[in-house]
Amino acid sequence: MKGALRPEAAAEMIPEGASLMIGGFMAVGTPERMIDAIVARGIRDLTVIANDTAMPGKGIGKLISAGLVRHVIASHIGLNPETQAKMIAG
């Protein structure tokens, strides 16, 4: 990966409270290695802008399960019961 930034190095550049636009749908096409690096670093209070929050343990669902997301802007949360519970709880 000449000239490319490793996910761990890229995650170092994301501050707590950042807004992230994440591609993919139901974890297909989602940057899994980048999400894993964010979870490993424990970057909190994120705002995620995406199509969906996938499912627990997959794609954006990893960020939800880790408690790193403060706000979600998405059109579909129907397959992630953790996101649904957090929305209902306020």
PDB file of N, CA and C in Angstrom:
ATOM      1  N   MET A   1       0.831  -1.180   0.000  1.00  0.00           N
ATOM      2  CA  MET A   1       0.000   0.000   0.000  1.00  0.00           C
ATOM      3  C   MET A   1       0.878   1.246   0.000  1.00  0.00           C
ATOM      4  N   LYS A   2       1.662   1.395  -0.994  1.00  0.00           N
ATOM      5  CA  LYS A   2       2.555   2.541  -1.087  1.00  0.00           C
ATOM      6  C   LYS A   2       1.738   3.828  -1.168  1.00  0.00           C
ATOM      7  N   GLY A   3       2.034   4.756  -0.274  1.00  0.00           N
ATOM      8  CA  GLY A   3       1.351   6.034  -0.271  1.00  0.00           C
ATOM      9  C   GLY A   3      -0.003   6.024   0.436  1.00  0.00           C
ATOM     10  N   ALA A   4      -0.503   4.841   0.767  1.00  0.00           N
ATOM     11  CA  ALA A   4      -1.801   4.748   1.439  1.00  0.00           C
ATOM     12  C   ALA A   4      -1.599   4.782   2.951  1.00  0.00           C
ATOM     13  N   LEU A   5      -2.559   5.346   3.644  1.00  0.00           N
ATOM     14  CA  LEU A   5      -2.521   5.432   5.092  1.00  0.00           C
ATOM     15  C   LEU A   5      -3.121   4.161   5.681  1.00  0.00           C
ATOM     16  N   ARG A   6      -2.427   3.568   6.636  1.00  0.00           N
ATOM     17  CA  ARG A   6      -2.967   2.386   7.310  1.00  0.00           C
ATOM     18  C   ARG A   6      -4.159   2.801   8.173  1.00  0.00           C
ATOM     19  N   PRO A   7      -5.154   1.925   8.349  1.00  0.00           N
ATOM     20  CA  PRO A   7      -6.334   2.288   9.145  1.00  0.00           C
ATOM     21  C   PRO A   7      -5.988   2.790  10.548  1.00  0.00           C
ATOM     22  N   GLU A   8      -4.984   2.178  11.178  1.00  0.00           N
ATOM     23  CA  GLU A   8      -4.604   2.598  12.530  1.00  0.00           C
ATOM     24  C   GLU A   8      -4.084   4.036  12.531  1.00  0.00           C
ATOM     25  N   ALA A   9      -3.287   4.380  11.518  1.00  0.00           N
ATOM     26  CA  ALA A   9      -2.758   5.745  11.418  1.00  0.00           C
ATOM     27  C   ALA A   9      -3.884   6.735  11.105  1.00  0.00           C
ATOM     28  N   ALA A  10      -4.808   6.331  10.258  1.00  0.00           N
ATOM     29  CA  ALA A  10      -5.948   7.200   9.931  1.00  0.00           C
ATOM     30  C   ALA A  10      -6.814   7.428  11.167  1.00  0.00           C
ATOM     31  N   ALA A  11      -7.034   6.386  11.969  1.00  0.00           N
ATOM     32  CA  ALA A  11      -7.849   6.511  13.183  1.00  0.00           C
ATOM     33  C   ALA A  11      -7.216   7.486  14.173  1.00  0.00           C
ATOM     34  N   GLU A  12      -5.900   7.575  14.170  1.00  0.00           N
ATOM     35  CA  GLU A  12      -5.199   8.519  15.047  1.00  0.00           C
ATOM     36  C   GLU A  12      -5.557   9.964  14.723  1.00  0.00           C
ATOM     37  N   MET A  13      -6.012  10.209  13.514  1.00  0.00           N
ATOM     38  CA  MET A  13      -6.334  11.560  13.067  1.00  0.00           C
ATOM     39  C   MET A  13      -7.776  11.967  13.398  1.00  0.00           C
ATOM     40  N   ILE A  14      -8.572  11.041  13.906  1.00  0.00           N
ATOM     41  CA  ILE A  14      -9.983  11.319  14.204  1.00  0.00           C
ATOM     42  C   ILE A  14     -10.112  11.725  15.667  1.00  0.00           C
ATOM     43  N   PRO A  15     -10.588  12.954  15.915  1.00  0.00           N
ATOM     44  CA  PRO A  15     -10.756  13.378  17.308  1.00  0.00           C
ATOM     45  C   PRO A  15     -12.070  12.873  17.902  1.00  0.00           C
ATOM     46  N   GLU A  16     -12.134  12.832  19.217  1.00  0.00           N
ATOM     47  CA  GLU A  16     -13.403  12.515  19.872  1.00  0.00           C
ATOM     48  C   GLU A  16     -14.416  13.578  19.473  1.00  0.00           C
ATOM     49  N   GLY A  17     -15.666  13.169  19.289  1.00  0.00           N
ATOM     50  CA  GLY A  17     -16.722  14.087  18.896  1.00  0.00           C
ATOM     51  C   GLY A  17     -16.790  14.361  17.404  1.00  0.00           C
ATOM     52  N   ALA A  18     -16.013  13.645  16.623  1.00  0.00           N
ATOM     53  CA  ALA A  18     -15.991  13.854  15.173  1.00  0.00           C
ATOM     54  C   ALA A  18     -17.280  13.375  14.517  1.00  0.00           C
ATOM     55  N   SER A  19     -17.563  13.930  13.341  1.00  0.00           N
ATOM     56  CA  SER A  19     -18.661  13.453  12.497  1.00  0.00           C
ATOM     57  C   SER A  19     -18.049  12.635  11.375  1.00  0.00           C
ATOM     58  N   LEU A  20     -18.554  11.413  11.190  1.00  0.00           N
ATOM     59  CA  LEU A  20     -18.032  10.510  10.175  1.00  0.00           C
ATOM     60  C   LEU A  20     -19.124  10.109   9.198  1.00  0.00           C
ATOM     61  N   MET A  21     -18.864  10.261   7.919  1.00  0.00           N
ATOM     62  CA  MET A  21     -19.754   9.727   6.888  1.00  0.00           C
ATOM     63  C   MET A  21     -19.164   8.383   6.482  1.00  0.00           C
ATOM     64  N   ILE A  22     -19.975   7.325   6.614  1.00  0.00           N
ATOM     65  CA  ILE A  22     -19.489   5.975   6.356  1.00  0.00           C
ATOM     66  C   ILE A  22     -20.351   5.329   5.286  1.00  0.00           C
ATOM     67  N   GLY A  23     -19.704   4.814   4.256  1.00  0.00           N
ATOM     68  CA  GLY A  23     -20.420   4.187   3.155  1.00  0.00           C
ATOM     69  C   GLY A  23     -20.795   2.746   3.445  1.00  0.00           C
ATOM     70  N   GLY A  24     -21.484   2.153   2.484  1.00  0.00           N
ATOM     71  CA  GLY A  24     -21.899   0.764   2.587  1.00  0.00           C
ATOM     72  C   GLY A  24     -23.365   0.653   2.974  1.00  0.00           C
ATOM     73  N   PHE A  25     -23.877  -0.560   2.898  1.00  0.00           N
ATOM     74  CA  PHE A  25     -25.243  -0.845   3.318  1.00  0.00           C
ATOM     75  C   PHE A  25     -25.287  -2.234   3.913  1.00  0.00           C
ATOM     76  N   MET A  26     -25.766  -2.323   5.143  1.00  0.00           N
ATOM     77  CA  MET A  26     -25.825  -3.575   5.899  1.00  0.00           C
ATOM     78  C   MET A  26     -24.448  -4.239   5.970  1.00  0.00           C
ATOM     79  N   ALA A  27     -23.436  -3.415   6.139  1.00  0.00           N
ATOM     80  CA  ALA A  27     -22.027  -3.798   6.269  1.00  0.00           C
ATOM     81  C   ALA A  27     -21.371  -4.166   4.944  1.00  0.00           C
ATOM     82  N   VAL A  28     -22.120  -4.282   3.873  1.00  0.00           N
ATOM     83  CA  VAL A  28     -21.524  -4.559   2.561  1.00  0.00           C
ATOM     84  C   VAL A  28     -20.930  -3.258   2.043  1.00  0.00           C
ATOM     85  N   GLY A  29     -19.636  -3.261   1.779  1.00  0.00           N
ATOM     86  CA  GLY A  29     -18.961  -2.068   1.300  1.00  0.00           C
ATOM     87  C   GLY A  29     -18.524  -1.131   2.412  1.00  0.00           C
ATOM     88  N   THR A  30     -18.731  -1.522   3.653  1.00  0.00           N
ATOM     89  CA  THR A  30     -18.328  -0.701   4.792  1.00  0.00           C
ATOM     90  C   THR A  30     -16.831  -0.897   5.045  1.00  0.00           C
ATOM     91  N   PRO A  31     -16.115   0.156   5.430  1.00  0.00           N
ATOM     92  CA  PRO A  31     -14.673   0.039   5.683  1.00  0.00           C
ATOM     93  C   PRO A  31     -14.395  -0.658   7.026  1.00  0.00           C
ATOM     94  N   GLU A  32     -14.473  -1.976   7.017  1.00  0.00           N
ATOM     95  CA  GLU A  32     -14.363  -2.774   8.249  1.00  0.00           C
ATOM     96  C   GLU A  32     -13.050  -2.531   8.992  1.00  0.00           C
ATOM     97  N   ARG A  33     -11.930  -2.492   8.284  1.00  0.00           N
ATOM     98  CA  ARG A  33     -10.646  -2.302   8.957  1.00  0.00           C
ATOM     99  C   ARG A  33     -10.563  -0.930   9.615  1.00  0.00           C
ATOM    100  N   MET A  34     -11.160   0.065   8.988  1.00  0.00           N
ATOM    101  CA  MET A  34     -11.170   1.402   9.573  1.00  0.00           C
ATOM    102  C   MET A  34     -12.048   1.429  10.819  1.00  0.00           C
ATOM    103  N   ILE A  35     -13.205   0.803  10.732  1.00  0.00           N
ATOM    104  CA  ILE A  35     -14.093   0.729  11.897  1.00  0.00           C
ATOM    105  C   ILE A  35     -13.403  -0.019  13.035  1.00  0.00           C
ATOM    106  N   ASP A  36     -12.719  -1.114  12.720  1.00  0.00           N
ATOM    107  CA  ASP A  36     -11.981  -1.858  13.751  1.00  0.00           C
ATOM    108  C   ASP A  36     -10.923  -0.981  14.416  1.00  0.00           C
ATOM    109  N   ALA A  37     -10.243  -0.143  13.634  1.00  0.00           N
ATOM    110  CA  ALA A  37      -9.216   0.754  14.181  1.00  0.00           C
ATOM    111  C   ALA A  37      -9.835   1.811  15.087  1.00  0.00           C
ATOM    112  N   ILE A  38     -11.011   2.308  14.717  1.00  0.00           N
ATOM    113  CA  ILE A  38     -11.706   3.299  15.550  1.00  0.00           C
ATOM    114  C   ILE A  38     -12.142   2.661  16.864  1.00  0.00           C
ATOM    115  N   VAL A  39     -12.675   1.442  16.793  1.00  0.00           N
ATOM    116  CA  VAL A  39     -13.091   0.728  18.004  1.00  0.00           C
ATOM    117  C   VAL A  39     -11.877   0.461  18.894  1.00  0.00           C
ATOM    118  N   ALA A  40     -10.779   0.020  18.302  1.00  0.00           N
ATOM    119  CA  ALA A  40      -9.574  -0.274  19.081  1.00  0.00           C
ATOM    120  C   ALA A  40      -9.046   0.976  19.782  1.00  0.00           C
ATOM    121  N   ARG A  41      -9.159   2.105  19.131  1.00  0.00           N
ATOM    122  CA  ARG A  41      -8.691   3.364  19.716  1.00  0.00           C
ATOM    123  C   ARG A  41      -9.686   3.923  20.727  1.00  0.00           C
ATOM    124  N   GLY A  42     -10.959   3.537  20.622  1.00  0.00           N
ATOM    125  CA  GLY A  42     -11.984   3.971  21.576  1.00  0.00           C
ATOM    126  C   GLY A  42     -12.397   5.426  21.415  1.00  0.00           C
ATOM    127  N   ILE A  43     -12.485   5.886  20.170  1.00  0.00           N
ATOM    128  CA  ILE A  43     -12.858   7.276  19.897  1.00  0.00           C
ATOM    129  C   ILE A  43     -14.343   7.443  20.217  1.00  0.00           C
ATOM    130  N   ARG A  44     -14.679   8.328  21.139  1.00  0.00           N
ATOM    131  CA  ARG A  44     -16.041   8.459  21.645  1.00  0.00           C
ATOM    132  C   ARG A  44     -16.790   9.660  21.089  1.00  0.00           C
ATOM    133  N   ASP A  45     -18.086   9.680  21.396  1.00  0.00           N
ATOM    134  CA  ASP A  45     -18.983  10.797  21.068  1.00  0.00           C
ATOM    135  C   ASP A  45     -19.049  11.092  19.573  1.00  0.00           C
ATOM    136  N   LEU A  46     -19.000  10.046  18.770  1.00  0.00           N
ATOM    137  CA  LEU A  46     -19.039  10.201  17.320  1.00  0.00           C
ATOM    138  C   LEU A  46     -20.453  10.468  16.825  1.00  0.00           C
ATOM    139  N   THR A  47     -20.553  11.234  15.757  1.00  0.00           N
ATOM    140  CA  THR A  47     -21.781  11.351  14.987  1.00  0.00           C
ATOM    141  C   THR A  47     -21.549  10.571  13.715  1.00  0.00           C
ATOM    142  N   VAL A  48     -22.390   9.582  13.453  1.00  0.00           N
ATOM    143  CA  VAL A  48     -22.251   8.750  12.261  1.00  0.00           C
ATOM    144  C   VAL A  48     -23.369   9.093  11.287  1.00  0.00           C
ATOM    145  N   ILE A  49     -22.976   9.402  10.065  1.00  0.00           N
ATOM    146  CA  ILE A  49     -23.909   9.689   8.985  1.00  0.00           C
ATOM    147  C   ILE A  49     -23.755   8.546   7.982  1.00  0.00           C
ATOM    148  N   ALA A  50     -24.816   7.768   7.802  1.00  0.00           N
ATOM    149  CA  ALA A  50     -24.722   6.572   6.962  1.00  0.00           C
ATOM    150  C   ALA A  50     -26.113   6.123   6.519  1.00  0.00           C
ATOM    151  N   ASN A  51     -26.155   5.135   5.654  1.00  0.00           N
ATOM    152  CA  ASN A  51     -27.434   4.563   5.242  1.00  0.00           C
ATOM    153  C   ASN A  51     -28.102   3.819   6.388  1.00  0.00           C
ATOM    154  N   ASP A  52     -27.290   3.141   7.214  1.00  0.00           N
ATOM    155  CA  ASP A  52     -27.818   2.253   8.239  1.00  0.00           C
ATOM    156  C   ASP A  52     -26.772   2.035   9.319  1.00  0.00           C
ATOM    157  N   THR A  53     -27.136   1.254  10.341  1.00  0.00           N
ATOM    158  CA  THR A  53     -26.170   0.879  11.378  1.00  0.00           C
ATOM    159  C   THR A  53     -25.911  -0.629  11.376  1.00  0.00           C
ATOM    160  N   ALA A  54     -26.122  -1.261  10.253  1.00  0.00           N
ATOM    161  CA  ALA A  54     -25.858  -2.701  10.058  1.00  0.00           C
ATOM    162  C   ALA A  54     -26.484  -3.530  11.174  1.00  0.00           C
ATOM    163  N   MET A  55     -25.702  -4.461  11.729  1.00  0.00           N
ATOM    164  CA  MET A  55     -26.167  -5.356  12.784  1.00  0.00           C
ATOM    165  C   MET A  55     -25.104  -5.398  13.874  1.00  0.00           C
ATOM    166  N   PRO A  56     -25.442  -5.809  15.092  1.00  0.00           N
ATOM    167  CA  PRO A  56     -24.409  -5.914  16.125  1.00  0.00           C
ATOM    168  C   PRO A  56     -23.243  -6.786  15.630  1.00  0.00           C
ATOM    169  N   GLY A  57     -22.035  -6.274  15.795  1.00  0.00           N
ATOM    170  CA  GLY A  57     -20.843  -7.025  15.401  1.00  0.00           C
ATOM    171  C   GLY A  57     -20.470  -6.921  13.943  1.00  0.00           C
ATOM    172  N   LYS A  58     -21.229  -6.154  13.161  1.00  0.00           N
ATOM    173  CA  LYS A  58     -20.934  -6.000  11.733  1.00  0.00           C
ATOM    174  C   LYS A  58     -20.943  -4.522  11.363  1.00  0.00           C
ATOM    175  N   GLY A  59     -19.960  -4.112  10.593  1.00  0.00           N
ATOM    176  CA  GLY A  59     -19.925  -2.743  10.088  1.00  0.00           C
ATOM    177  C   GLY A  59     -20.091  -1.713  11.188  1.00  0.00           C
ATOM    178  N   ILE A  60     -20.949  -0.745  10.950  1.00  0.00           N
ATOM    179  CA  ILE A  60     -21.197   0.344  11.891  1.00  0.00           C
ATOM    180  C   ILE A  60     -21.747  -0.186  13.214  1.00  0.00           C
ATOM    181  N   GLY A  61     -22.366  -1.348  13.169  1.00  0.00           N
ATOM    182  CA  GLY A  61     -22.862  -1.972  14.396  1.00  0.00           C
ATOM    183  C   GLY A  61     -21.771  -2.161  15.435  1.00  0.00           C
ATOM    184  N   LYS A  62     -20.512  -2.321  15.002  1.00  0.00           N
ATOM    185  CA  LYS A  62     -19.393  -2.444  15.947  1.00  0.00           C
ATOM    186  C   LYS A  62     -19.221  -1.152  16.747  1.00  0.00           C
ATOM    187  N   LEU A  63     -19.406  -0.014  16.090  1.00  0.00           N
ATOM    188  CA  LEU A  63     -19.293   1.273  16.779  1.00  0.00           C
ATOM    189  C   LEU A  63     -20.432   1.445  17.786  1.00  0.00           C
ATOM    190  N   ILE A  64     -21.634   1.008  17.390  1.00  0.00           N
ATOM    191  CA  ILE A  64     -22.799   1.089  18.278  1.00  0.00           C
ATOM    192  C   ILE A  64     -22.577   0.200  19.503  1.00  0.00           C
ATOM    193  N   SER A  65     -22.179  -1.050  19.271  1.00  0.00           N
ATOM    194  CA  SER A  65     -21.964  -2.003  20.368  1.00  0.00           C
ATOM    195  C   SER A  65     -20.892  -1.528  21.336  1.00  0.00           C
ATOM    196  N   ALA A  66     -19.880  -0.842  20.822  1.00  0.00           N
ATOM    197  CA  ALA A  66     -18.782  -0.356  21.662  1.00  0.00           C
ATOM    198  C   ALA A  66     -19.155   0.917  22.423  1.00  0.00           C
ATOM    199  N   GLY A  67     -20.331   1.480  22.149  1.00  0.00           N
ATOM    200  CA  GLY A  67     -20.772   2.686  22.844  1.00  0.00           C
ATOM    201  C   GLY A  67     -20.030   3.944  22.429  1.00  0.00           C
ATOM    202  N   LEU A  68     -19.541   3.971  21.202  1.00  0.00           N
ATOM    203  CA  LEU A  68     -18.743   5.098  20.729  1.00  0.00           C
ATOM    204  C   LEU A  68     -19.550   6.163  20.005  1.00  0.00           C
ATOM    205  N   VAL A  69     -20.819   5.871  19.695  1.00  0.00           N
ATOM    206  CA  VAL A  69     -21.629   6.771  18.872  1.00  0.00           C
ATOM    207  C   VAL A  69     -22.596   7.565  19.750  1.00  0.00           C
ATOM    208  N   ARG A  70     -22.582   8.882  19.582  1.00  0.00           N
ATOM    209  CA  ARG A  70     -23.503   9.751  20.317  1.00  0.00           C
ATOM    210  C   ARG A  70     -24.751  10.043  19.500  1.00  0.00           C
ATOM    211  N   HIS A  71     -24.580  10.260  18.184  1.00  0.00           N
ATOM    212  CA  HIS A  71     -25.696  10.559  17.290  1.00  0.00           C
ATOM    213  C   HIS A  71     -25.575   9.715  16.024  1.00  0.00           C
ATOM    214  N   VAL A  72     -26.728   9.328  15.489  1.00  0.00           N
ATOM    215  CA  VAL A  72     -26.783   8.623  14.213  1.00  0.00           C
ATOM    216  C   VAL A  72     -27.732   9.376  13.291  1.00  0.00           C
ATOM    217  N   ILE A  73     -27.285   9.602  12.077  1.00  0.00           N
ATOM    218  CA  ILE A  73     -28.142  10.142  11.026  1.00  0.00           C
ATOM    219  C   ILE A  73     -28.190   9.051   9.965  1.00  0.00           C
ATOM    220  N   ALA A  74     -29.303   8.345   9.892  1.00  0.00           N
ATOM    221  CA  ALA A  74     -29.421   7.195   8.995  1.00  0.00           C
ATOM    222  C   ALA A  74     -30.871   7.029   8.568  1.00  0.00           C
ATOM    223  N   SER A  75     -31.064   6.310   7.486  1.00  0.00           N
ATOM    224  CA  SER A  75     -32.418   6.072   7.003  1.00  0.00           C
ATOM    225  C   SER A  75     -32.947   4.689   7.387  1.00  0.00           C
ATOM    226  N   HIS A  76     -32.058   3.793   7.882  1.00  0.00           N
ATOM    227  CA  HIS A  76     -32.494   2.429   8.161  1.00  0.00           C
ATOM    228  C   HIS A  76     -31.761   1.890   9.383  1.00  0.00           C
ATOM    229  N   ILE A  77     -32.494   1.567  10.444  1.00  0.00           N
ATOM    230  CA  ILE A  77     -31.891   0.935  11.619  1.00  0.00           C
ATOM    231  C   ILE A  77     -32.617  -0.358  11.968  1.00  0.00           C
ATOM    232  N   GLY A  78     -33.456  -0.823  11.056  1.00  0.00           N
ATOM    233  CA  GLY A  78     -34.350  -1.940  11.324  1.00  0.00           C
ATOM    234  C   GLY A  78     -33.713  -3.258  11.684  1.00  0.00           C
ATOM    235  N   LEU A  79     -32.455  -3.504  11.306  1.00  0.00           N
ATOM    236  CA  LEU A  79     -31.837  -4.790  11.619  1.00  0.00           C
ATOM    237  C   LEU A  79     -30.842  -4.716  12.772  1.00  0.00           C
ATOM    238  N   ASN A  80     -30.766  -3.560  13.432  1.00  0.00           N
ATOM    239  CA  ASN A  80     -29.864  -3.444  14.567  1.00  0.00           C
ATOM    240  C   ASN A  80     -30.660  -3.138  15.838  1.00  0.00           C
ATOM    241  N   PRO A  81     -30.949  -4.170  16.631  1.00  0.00           N
ATOM    242  CA  PRO A  81     -31.746  -3.964  17.838  1.00  0.00           C
ATOM    243  C   PRO A  81     -31.071  -3.043  18.855  1.00  0.00           C
ATOM    244  N   GLU A  82     -29.744  -2.968  18.860  1.00  0.00           N
ATOM    245  CA  GLU A  82     -29.048  -2.071  19.781  1.00  0.00           C
ATOM    246  C   GLU A  82     -29.322  -0.614  19.423  1.00  0.00           C
ATOM    247  N   THR A  83     -29.274  -0.293  18.139  1.00  0.00           N
ATOM    248  CA  THR A  83     -29.575   1.078  17.701  1.00  0.00           C
ATOM    249  C   THR A  83     -31.030   1.409  18.016  1.00  0.00           C
ATOM    250  N   GLN A  84     -31.925   0.469  17.766  1.00  0.00           N
ATOM    251  CA  GLN A  84     -33.346   0.698  18.041  1.00  0.00           C
ATOM    252  C   GLN A  84     -33.561   0.997  19.525  1.00  0.00           C
ATOM    253  N   ALA A  85     -32.950   0.193  20.401  1.00  0.00           N
ATOM    254  CA  ALA A  85     -33.115   0.371  21.847  1.00  0.00           C
ATOM    255  C   ALA A  85     -32.585   1.729  22.295  1.00  0.00           C
ATOM    256  N   LYS A  86     -31.454   2.146  21.742  1.00  0.00           N
ATOM    257  CA  LYS A  86     -30.876   3.439  22.107  1.00  0.00           C
ATOM    258  C   LYS A  86     -31.763   4.588  21.619  1.00  0.00           C
ATOM    259  N   MET A  87     -32.368   4.438  20.431  1.00  0.00           N
ATOM    260  CA  MET A  87     -33.261   5.466  19.909  1.00  0.00           C
ATOM    261  C   MET A  87     -34.499   5.585  20.804  1.00  0.00           C
ATOM    262  N   ILE A  88     -35.086   4.451  21.175  1.00  0.00           N
ATOM    263  CA  ILE A  88     -36.291   4.463  22.003  1.00  0.00           C
ATOM    264  C   ILE A  88     -35.984   5.044  23.381  1.00  0.00           C
ATOM    265  N   ALA A  89     -34.783   4.779  23.886  1.00  0.00           N
ATOM    266  CA  ALA A  89     -34.389   5.282  25.210  1.00  0.00           C
ATOM    267  C   ALA A  89     -34.051   6.769  25.189  1.00  0.00           C
ATOM    268  N   GLY A  90     -33.966   7.329  23.979  1.00  0.00           N
ATOM    269  CA  GLY A  90     -33.680   8.760  23.863  1.00  0.00           C
ATOM    270  C   GLY A  90     -32.226   9.041  23.679  1.00  0.00           C
TER     271      GLY A  90
END
